[in-house]
Protein backbone atom coordinates (compact mmCIF):
# COMPACT_ATOMS: atom_id res chain seq x y z
CA UNK A 1 -48.22 -67.36 -75.56
CA UNK A 2 -45.82 -69.08 -77.92
CA UNK A 3 -45.05 -72.77 -77.65
CA UNK A 4 -41.49 -72.07 -76.54
CA UNK A 5 -42.62 -69.79 -73.73
CA UNK A 6 -45.31 -72.17 -72.54
CA UNK A 7 -42.83 -75.09 -72.59
CA UNK A 8 -40.33 -73.22 -70.41
CA UNK A 9 -43.05 -72.10 -68.04
CA UNK A 10 -44.74 -75.50 -67.84
CA UNK A 11 -41.51 -77.45 -67.35
CA UNK A 12 -40.13 -74.97 -64.83
CA UNK A 13 -43.02 -74.27 -62.54
CA UNK A 14 -43.68 -77.73 -61.14
CA UNK A 15 -41.68 -77.46 -57.92
CA UNK A 16 -39.57 -75.21 -55.79
CA UNK A 17 -36.54 -77.39 -56.50
CA UNK A 18 -36.57 -76.16 -60.10
CA UNK A 19 -36.17 -72.54 -58.97
CA UNK A 20 -32.86 -70.74 -59.50
CA UNK A 21 -30.49 -70.51 -56.56
CA UNK A 22 -31.14 -67.66 -54.14
CA UNK A 23 -27.52 -66.67 -54.81
CA UNK A 24 -28.30 -65.94 -58.49
CA UNK A 25 -26.56 -62.80 -59.71
CA UNK A 26 -26.73 -63.28 -63.48
CA UNK A 27 -30.33 -63.20 -64.66
CA UNK A 28 -30.53 -64.94 -68.02
CA UNK A 29 -33.84 -65.17 -69.84
CA UNK A 30 -34.64 -68.71 -68.72
CA UNK A 31 -34.10 -67.96 -65.01
CA UNK A 32 -36.38 -64.93 -65.18
CA UNK A 33 -39.04 -67.00 -66.94
CA UNK A 34 -38.77 -69.77 -64.33
CA UNK A 35 -39.32 -67.34 -61.46
CA UNK A 36 -42.31 -65.70 -63.18
CA UNK A 37 -43.81 -69.13 -63.92
CA UNK A 38 -43.30 -70.30 -60.34
CA UNK A 39 -45.09 -67.25 -58.96
CA UNK A 40 -47.95 -67.68 -61.41
CA UNK A 41 -48.26 -71.38 -60.54
CA UNK A 42 -48.27 -70.66 -56.81
CA UNK A 43 -45.01 -72.54 -56.19
CA UNK A 44 -43.63 -69.42 -54.49
CA UNK A 45 -45.42 -66.23 -53.53
CA UNK A 46 -44.58 -62.93 -55.16
CA UNK A 47 -43.33 -61.57 -51.84
CA UNK A 48 -41.13 -64.62 -51.25
CA UNK A 49 -39.70 -64.45 -54.76
CA UNK A 50 -38.83 -60.77 -54.39
CA UNK A 51 -37.24 -61.38 -51.00
CA UNK A 52 -35.38 -64.54 -52.07
CA UNK A 53 -33.88 -62.92 -55.17
CA UNK A 54 -33.58 -59.34 -53.89
CA UNK A 55 -35.95 -58.09 -56.58
CA UNK A 56 -38.08 -55.00 -56.41
CA UNK A 57 -41.77 -55.43 -57.13
CA UNK A 58 -41.33 -53.23 -60.21
CA UNK A 59 -38.51 -55.41 -61.54
CA UNK A 60 -40.54 -58.61 -61.17
CA UNK A 61 -43.63 -57.01 -62.72
CA UNK A 62 -41.52 -55.80 -65.66
CA UNK A 63 -40.39 -59.40 -66.29
CA UNK A 64 -43.99 -60.57 -66.18
CA UNK A 65 -45.17 -57.81 -68.51
CA UNK A 66 -42.31 -58.49 -70.94
CA UNK A 67 -43.23 -62.18 -71.15
CA UNK A 68 -46.90 -61.35 -71.67
CA UNK A 69 -46.19 -58.78 -74.38
CA UNK A 70 -43.15 -60.22 -76.19
CA UNK A 71 -42.55 -63.78 -75.02
CA UNK A 72 -39.10 -64.86 -73.88
CA UNK A 73 -37.43 -62.38 -76.24
CA UNK A 74 -38.94 -59.59 -74.16
CA UNK A 75 -36.68 -60.58 -71.28
CA UNK A 76 -33.50 -59.80 -73.21
CA UNK A 77 -31.90 -56.78 -71.59
CA UNK A 78 -30.61 -55.56 -74.95
CA UNK A 79 -34.17 -55.46 -76.28
CA UNK A 80 -35.83 -53.63 -73.40
CA UNK A 81 -35.39 -50.17 -74.91
CA UNK A 82 -36.96 -51.30 -78.19
CA UNK A 83 -39.98 -52.82 -76.46
CA UNK A 84 -40.53 -49.83 -74.18
CA UNK A 85 -41.16 -47.51 -77.12
């Protein structure tokens, strides 16, 4: 994991107050990374995160996989097609 990714994840996962609003409609890279980090840190359960943000399990898992494989850049929607090849 790159330093930038680990910094975002470490700084973001410390409490539920650092989570994006449940009204979030625009999913920028940082917000996706914060939610993934919070689930991994046990701040919020996977089920609660999916329910709170109206995410499918597949969508959340794709964010997690993208971070693991490509770092934060993997969460860019314009890059998804490139990374899926």
